[in-house]
Amino acid sequence: MSSKLTNQGELLIDHTNSPGISPEWVKENRHHLMASGATPVIVGKGKKFETGLKNCTHCGADVIMNPMRQREREWCRVCDAYICDNCGLLRKLSGYQHMTVQQVMENIFNRYQRSF
């Protein structure tokens, strides 16, 4: 029997010998971070952060399994897997068609094959 954390990777951010990422830095750079889609993990000077890492089955993005998260993690019942917050939002919109990143890649491959 598999669990929700089957095939989980690991994320380690080690700032034991660096100045780290401060809340002030995140606040100053929030526009750049939002534009890139990055979700900063604030790990201060001399600190380490270690947690699990999954991939979103809908878009392939990394899903950081942050143990300090307050809100519920997005879960796709069709895929029976975790999905990122962005795909969780898209899934709730009208007209949404369920498709995994694997299916998207197969569609692109098939279209490419037909063109030759």
N, C-alpha and C. Protein backbone atom coordinates (compact mmCIF):
# COMPACT_ATOMS: atom_id res chain seq x y z
N MET A 1 0.85 -1.18 0.00
CA MET A 1 0.00 0.00 0.00
C MET A 1 0.90 1.25 0.00
N SER A 2 0.63 2.15 -0.92
CA SER A 2 1.44 3.37 -0.98
C SER A 2 0.77 4.49 -0.19
N SER A 3 1.58 5.45 0.20
CA SER A 3 1.06 6.60 0.93
C SER A 3 1.16 7.84 0.06
N LYS A 4 0.64 8.96 0.55
CA LYS A 4 0.72 10.22 -0.18
C LYS A 4 2.16 10.67 -0.37
N LEU A 5 3.07 10.16 0.43
CA LEU A 5 4.46 10.60 0.36
C LEU A 5 5.35 9.62 -0.38
N THR A 6 4.77 8.62 -1.07
CA THR A 6 5.56 7.71 -1.88
C THR A 6 6.29 8.49 -2.96
N ASN A 7 7.50 8.13 -3.24
CA ASN A 7 8.35 8.78 -4.25
C ASN A 7 8.67 10.24 -3.91
N GLN A 8 8.71 10.54 -2.66
CA GLN A 8 9.03 11.90 -2.23
C GLN A 8 10.54 12.13 -2.29
N GLY A 9 10.93 13.27 -2.82
CA GLY A 9 12.33 13.67 -2.82
C GLY A 9 12.65 14.45 -1.56
N GLU A 10 13.85 15.00 -1.49
CA GLU A 10 14.25 15.80 -0.34
C GLU A 10 14.78 17.15 -0.79
N LEU A 11 14.48 18.16 0.00
CA LEU A 11 15.00 19.50 -0.23
C LEU A 11 15.80 19.89 0.99
N LEU A 12 17.05 20.30 0.77
CA LEU A 12 17.91 20.77 1.85
C LEU A 12 18.47 22.13 1.47
N ILE A 13 18.17 23.12 2.29
CA ILE A 13 18.74 24.46 2.14
C ILE A 13 19.64 24.66 3.34
N ASP A 14 20.93 24.80 3.08
CA ASP A 14 21.93 24.88 4.15
C ASP A 14 22.61 26.25 4.13
N HIS A 15 22.28 27.07 5.12
CA HIS A 15 22.89 28.39 5.24
C HIS A 15 23.79 28.46 6.49
N THR A 16 24.39 27.32 6.85
CA THR A 16 25.25 27.33 8.04
C THR A 16 26.48 28.20 7.84
N ASN A 17 26.90 28.40 6.59
CA ASN A 17 28.07 29.23 6.31
C ASN A 17 27.75 30.36 5.34
N SER A 18 26.54 30.87 5.40
CA SER A 18 26.16 31.97 4.51
C SER A 18 25.25 32.94 5.26
N PRO A 19 25.03 34.11 4.69
CA PRO A 19 24.17 35.10 5.37
C PRO A 19 22.69 34.71 5.38
N GLY A 20 22.30 33.73 4.57
CA GLY A 20 20.92 33.28 4.58
C GLY A 20 19.97 34.20 3.84
N ILE A 21 18.68 33.90 3.97
CA ILE A 21 17.62 34.70 3.36
C ILE A 21 16.79 35.28 4.49
N SER A 22 16.73 36.59 4.54
CA SER A 22 16.00 37.26 5.62
C SER A 22 14.60 37.65 5.15
N PRO A 23 13.67 37.84 6.07
CA PRO A 23 12.34 38.33 5.69
C PRO A 23 12.42 39.69 5.00
N GLU A 24 13.38 40.50 5.38
CA GLU A 24 13.55 41.82 4.75
C GLU A 24 13.93 41.67 3.28
N TRP A 25 14.84 40.73 2.99
CA TRP A 25 15.26 40.50 1.61
C TRP A 25 14.08 40.04 0.77
N VAL A 26 13.28 39.15 1.31
CA VAL A 26 12.10 38.65 0.59
C VAL A 26 11.14 39.81 0.32
N LYS A 27 10.94 40.67 1.31
CA LYS A 27 10.04 41.81 1.14
C LYS A 27 10.56 42.76 0.07
N GLU A 28 11.87 43.02 0.06
CA GLU A 28 12.47 43.92 -0.93
C GLU A 28 12.40 43.34 -2.34
N ASN A 29 12.44 42.04 -2.47
CA ASN A 29 12.50 41.39 -3.77
C ASN A 29 11.21 40.68 -4.16
N ARG A 30 10.11 40.98 -3.50
CA ARG A 30 8.87 40.25 -3.72
C ARG A 30 8.36 40.37 -5.15
N HIS A 31 8.58 41.52 -5.81
CA HIS A 31 8.09 41.68 -7.18
C HIS A 31 8.82 40.73 -8.13
N HIS A 32 10.14 40.60 -7.96
CA HIS A 32 10.91 39.68 -8.80
C HIS A 32 10.53 38.23 -8.51
N LEU A 33 10.33 37.92 -7.24
CA LEU A 33 9.97 36.57 -6.85
C LEU A 33 8.60 36.18 -7.39
N MET A 34 7.64 37.11 -7.31
CA MET A 34 6.29 36.83 -7.81
C MET A 34 6.31 36.64 -9.32
N ALA A 35 7.10 37.46 -10.03
CA ALA A 35 7.18 37.35 -11.49
C ALA A 35 7.77 36.02 -11.92
N SER A 36 8.69 35.50 -11.14
CA SER A 36 9.33 34.23 -11.48
C SER A 36 8.52 33.03 -11.00
N GLY A 37 7.53 33.26 -10.16
CA GLY A 37 6.73 32.17 -9.61
C GLY A 37 7.40 31.48 -8.44
N ALA A 38 8.52 32.01 -7.98
CA ALA A 38 9.27 31.39 -6.89
C ALA A 38 8.58 31.63 -5.56
N THR A 39 8.62 30.64 -4.71
CA THR A 39 8.12 30.76 -3.35
C THR A 39 9.32 30.65 -2.43
N PRO A 40 9.80 31.77 -1.90
CA PRO A 40 11.01 31.71 -1.10
C PRO A 40 10.80 31.03 0.24
N VAL A 41 11.78 30.25 0.62
CA VAL A 41 11.79 29.65 1.94
C VAL A 41 12.80 30.45 2.75
N ILE A 42 12.33 31.10 3.79
CA ILE A 42 13.20 31.96 4.58
C ILE A 42 14.02 31.10 5.52
N VAL A 43 15.31 31.02 5.21
CA VAL A 43 16.26 30.27 6.02
C VAL A 43 17.35 31.25 6.41
N GLY A 44 17.38 31.60 7.67
CA GLY A 44 18.30 32.62 8.15
C GLY A 44 19.74 32.18 8.25
N LYS A 45 20.57 33.13 8.61
CA LYS A 45 22.02 32.92 8.76
C LYS A 45 22.28 31.78 9.75
N GLY A 46 23.14 30.85 9.33
CA GLY A 46 23.53 29.75 10.19
C GLY A 46 22.48 28.67 10.38
N LYS A 47 21.40 28.70 9.58
CA LYS A 47 20.29 27.75 9.74
C LYS A 47 20.24 26.75 8.58
N LYS A 48 19.51 25.66 8.80
CA LYS A 48 19.24 24.66 7.78
C LYS A 48 17.73 24.45 7.70
N PHE A 49 17.27 24.12 6.50
CA PHE A 49 15.87 23.77 6.29
C PHE A 49 15.85 22.49 5.48
N GLU A 50 15.17 21.48 5.98
CA GLU A 50 15.09 20.20 5.29
C GLU A 50 13.65 19.72 5.30
N THR A 51 13.16 19.34 4.13
CA THR A 51 11.78 18.89 4.02
C THR A 51 11.61 18.01 2.79
N GLY A 52 10.43 17.46 2.62
CA GLY A 52 10.13 16.63 1.46
C GLY A 52 9.81 17.48 0.24
N LEU A 53 9.92 16.85 -0.93
CA LEU A 53 9.68 17.53 -2.19
C LEU A 53 8.95 16.57 -3.12
N LYS A 54 7.84 17.04 -3.69
CA LYS A 54 7.06 16.25 -4.66
C LYS A 54 6.98 17.04 -5.96
N ASN A 55 6.50 16.41 -7.01
CA ASN A 55 6.25 17.09 -8.27
C ASN A 55 4.75 17.17 -8.50
N CYS A 56 4.30 18.30 -9.00
CA CYS A 56 2.90 18.47 -9.36
C CYS A 56 2.63 17.59 -10.57
N THR A 57 1.63 16.74 -10.49
CA THR A 57 1.32 15.83 -11.60
C THR A 57 0.66 16.56 -12.77
N HIS A 58 0.20 17.78 -12.53
CA HIS A 58 -0.48 18.53 -13.60
C HIS A 58 0.49 19.37 -14.42
N CYS A 59 1.49 20.00 -13.79
CA CYS A 59 2.40 20.88 -14.53
C CYS A 59 3.87 20.52 -14.35
N GLY A 60 4.19 19.66 -13.42
CA GLY A 60 5.57 19.24 -13.21
C GLY A 60 6.35 20.12 -12.25
N ALA A 61 5.74 21.17 -11.72
CA ALA A 61 6.44 22.06 -10.80
C ALA A 61 6.77 21.34 -9.49
N ASP A 62 7.78 21.85 -8.80
CA ASP A 62 8.12 21.30 -7.49
C ASP A 62 7.10 21.74 -6.45
N VAL A 63 6.72 20.83 -5.59
CA VAL A 63 5.81 21.11 -4.48
C VAL A 63 6.60 20.86 -3.20
N ILE A 64 6.92 21.94 -2.48
CA ILE A 64 7.67 21.84 -1.24
C ILE A 64 6.71 21.43 -0.13
N MET A 65 7.00 20.32 0.50
CA MET A 65 6.13 19.79 1.55
C MET A 65 6.51 20.46 2.88
N ASN A 66 6.26 21.74 2.95
CA ASN A 66 6.64 22.55 4.10
C ASN A 66 5.84 22.12 5.33
N PRO A 67 6.51 21.65 6.37
CA PRO A 67 5.79 21.21 7.57
C PRO A 67 5.14 22.36 8.35
N MET A 68 5.54 23.58 8.06
CA MET A 68 4.97 24.75 8.75
C MET A 68 3.75 25.32 8.02
N ARG A 69 3.36 24.72 6.92
CA ARG A 69 2.23 25.21 6.12
C ARG A 69 0.96 25.19 6.96
N GLN A 70 0.19 26.27 6.90
CA GLN A 70 -1.05 26.40 7.66
C GLN A 70 -2.27 25.94 6.88
N ARG A 71 -2.31 26.23 5.57
CA ARG A 71 -3.48 25.88 4.77
C ARG A 71 -3.33 24.47 4.20
N GLU A 72 -4.44 23.91 3.78
CA GLU A 72 -4.46 22.56 3.26
C GLU A 72 -3.70 22.47 1.94
N ARG A 73 -2.97 21.40 1.76
CA ARG A 73 -2.22 21.15 0.53
C ARG A 73 -3.19 20.69 -0.56
N GLU A 74 -2.99 21.15 -1.80
CA GLU A 74 -3.85 20.77 -2.92
C GLU A 74 -3.63 19.31 -3.29
N TRP A 75 -4.72 18.58 -3.51
CA TRP A 75 -4.68 17.16 -3.82
C TRP A 75 -5.64 16.88 -4.95
N CYS A 76 -5.17 16.18 -6.00
CA CYS A 76 -6.04 15.81 -7.11
C CYS A 76 -6.53 14.39 -6.89
N ARG A 77 -7.83 14.23 -6.81
CA ARG A 77 -8.41 12.90 -6.59
C ARG A 77 -8.32 12.04 -7.84
N VAL A 78 -8.32 12.66 -9.02
CA VAL A 78 -8.21 11.90 -10.26
C VAL A 78 -6.81 11.28 -10.37
N CYS A 79 -5.77 12.08 -10.12
CA CYS A 79 -4.39 11.60 -10.17
C CYS A 79 -4.00 10.87 -8.89
N ASP A 80 -4.73 11.11 -7.82
CA ASP A 80 -4.39 10.60 -6.50
C ASP A 80 -2.98 11.05 -6.11
N ALA A 81 -2.76 12.37 -6.25
CA ALA A 81 -1.42 12.92 -5.99
C ALA A 81 -1.53 14.40 -5.63
N TYR A 82 -0.45 14.91 -5.01
CA TYR A 82 -0.37 16.33 -4.70
C TYR A 82 -0.20 17.13 -5.98
N ILE A 83 -0.78 18.32 -5.99
CA ILE A 83 -0.58 19.26 -7.09
C ILE A 83 -0.19 20.61 -6.48
N CYS A 84 0.39 21.47 -7.30
CA CYS A 84 0.81 22.79 -6.80
C CYS A 84 -0.41 23.69 -6.59
N ASP A 85 -0.21 24.78 -5.88
CA ASP A 85 -1.29 25.72 -5.60
C ASP A 85 -1.88 26.33 -6.87
N ASN A 86 -1.02 26.61 -7.86
CA ASN A 86 -1.52 27.20 -9.11
C ASN A 86 -2.46 26.25 -9.84
N CYS A 87 -2.08 24.98 -9.94
CA CYS A 87 -2.95 23.99 -10.59
C CYS A 87 -4.20 23.73 -9.76
N GLY A 88 -4.07 23.83 -8.44
CA GLY A 88 -5.24 23.69 -7.58
C GLY A 88 -6.27 24.78 -7.86
N LEU A 89 -5.78 25.99 -8.11
CA LEU A 89 -6.67 27.10 -8.45
C LEU A 89 -7.30 26.88 -9.83
N LEU A 90 -6.49 26.52 -10.81
CA LEU A 90 -7.01 26.28 -12.16
C LEU A 90 -8.09 25.20 -12.17
N ARG A 91 -7.89 24.17 -11.36
CA ARG A 91 -8.83 23.05 -11.28
C ARG A 91 -10.22 23.51 -10.83
N LYS A 92 -10.29 24.59 -10.09
CA LYS A 92 -11.56 25.08 -9.55
C LYS A 92 -12.30 26.01 -10.52
N LEU A 93 -11.65 26.39 -11.61
CA LEU A 93 -12.27 27.29 -12.58
C LEU A 93 -13.19 26.53 -13.52
N SER A 94 -14.25 27.21 -14.00
CA SER A 94 -15.17 26.55 -14.93
C SER A 94 -14.45 26.30 -16.26
N GLY A 95 -14.80 25.22 -16.90
CA GLY A 95 -14.19 24.88 -18.18
C GLY A 95 -12.86 24.16 -18.06
N TYR A 96 -12.46 23.85 -16.84
CA TYR A 96 -11.18 23.17 -16.62
C TYR A 96 -11.22 21.76 -17.18
N GLN A 97 -10.18 21.37 -17.90
CA GLN A 97 -10.03 20.01 -18.40
C GLN A 97 -8.85 19.36 -17.69
N HIS A 98 -9.09 18.25 -17.04
CA HIS A 98 -8.03 17.56 -16.31
C HIS A 98 -7.02 16.98 -17.29
N MET A 99 -5.74 17.31 -17.09
CA MET A 99 -4.68 16.78 -17.92
C MET A 99 -3.39 16.78 -17.12
N THR A 100 -2.69 15.66 -17.12
CA THR A 100 -1.41 15.59 -16.42
C THR A 100 -0.30 16.10 -17.32
N VAL A 101 0.84 16.40 -16.73
CA VAL A 101 1.99 16.85 -17.51
C VAL A 101 2.41 15.76 -18.48
N GLN A 102 2.27 14.51 -18.09
CA GLN A 102 2.59 13.39 -18.98
C GLN A 102 1.68 13.39 -20.21
N GLN A 103 0.39 13.63 -20.01
CA GLN A 103 -0.54 13.68 -21.14
C GLN A 103 -0.23 14.85 -22.07
N VAL A 104 0.13 16.00 -21.50
CA VAL A 104 0.49 17.16 -22.31
C VAL A 104 1.70 16.83 -23.18
N MET A 105 2.70 16.20 -22.57
CA MET A 105 3.92 15.83 -23.31
C MET A 105 3.61 14.82 -24.41
N GLU A 106 2.74 13.86 -24.13
CA GLU A 106 2.37 12.87 -25.15
C GLU A 106 1.63 13.53 -26.31
N ASN A 107 0.74 14.50 -26.01
CA ASN A 107 0.02 15.22 -27.07
C ASN A 107 0.99 15.98 -27.96
N ILE A 108 1.97 16.64 -27.36
CA ILE A 108 2.96 17.39 -28.14
C ILE A 108 3.77 16.43 -29.00
N PHE A 109 4.20 15.31 -28.42
CA PHE A 109 4.97 14.31 -29.16
C PHE A 109 4.17 13.77 -30.34
N ASN A 110 2.90 13.46 -30.11
CA ASN A 110 2.05 12.92 -31.19
C ASN A 110 1.84 13.93 -32.30
N ARG A 111 1.64 15.20 -31.95
CA ARG A 111 1.51 16.25 -32.97
C ARG A 111 2.79 16.38 -33.78
N TYR A 112 3.91 16.30 -33.09
CA TYR A 112 5.21 16.40 -33.76
C TYR A 112 5.40 15.23 -34.73
N GLN A 113 5.04 14.03 -34.30
CA GLN A 113 5.18 12.83 -35.13
C GLN A 113 4.31 12.92 -36.38
N ARG A 114 3.09 13.46 -36.24
CA ARG A 114 2.17 13.55 -37.37
C ARG A 114 2.66 14.55 -38.42
N SER A 115 3.50 15.51 -38.01
CA SER A 115 3.96 16.53 -38.95
C SER A 115 5.02 16.00 -39.88
N PHE A 116 5.53 14.78 -39.65
CA PHE A 116 6.56 14.22 -40.52
C PHE A 116 6.05 13.08 -41.34
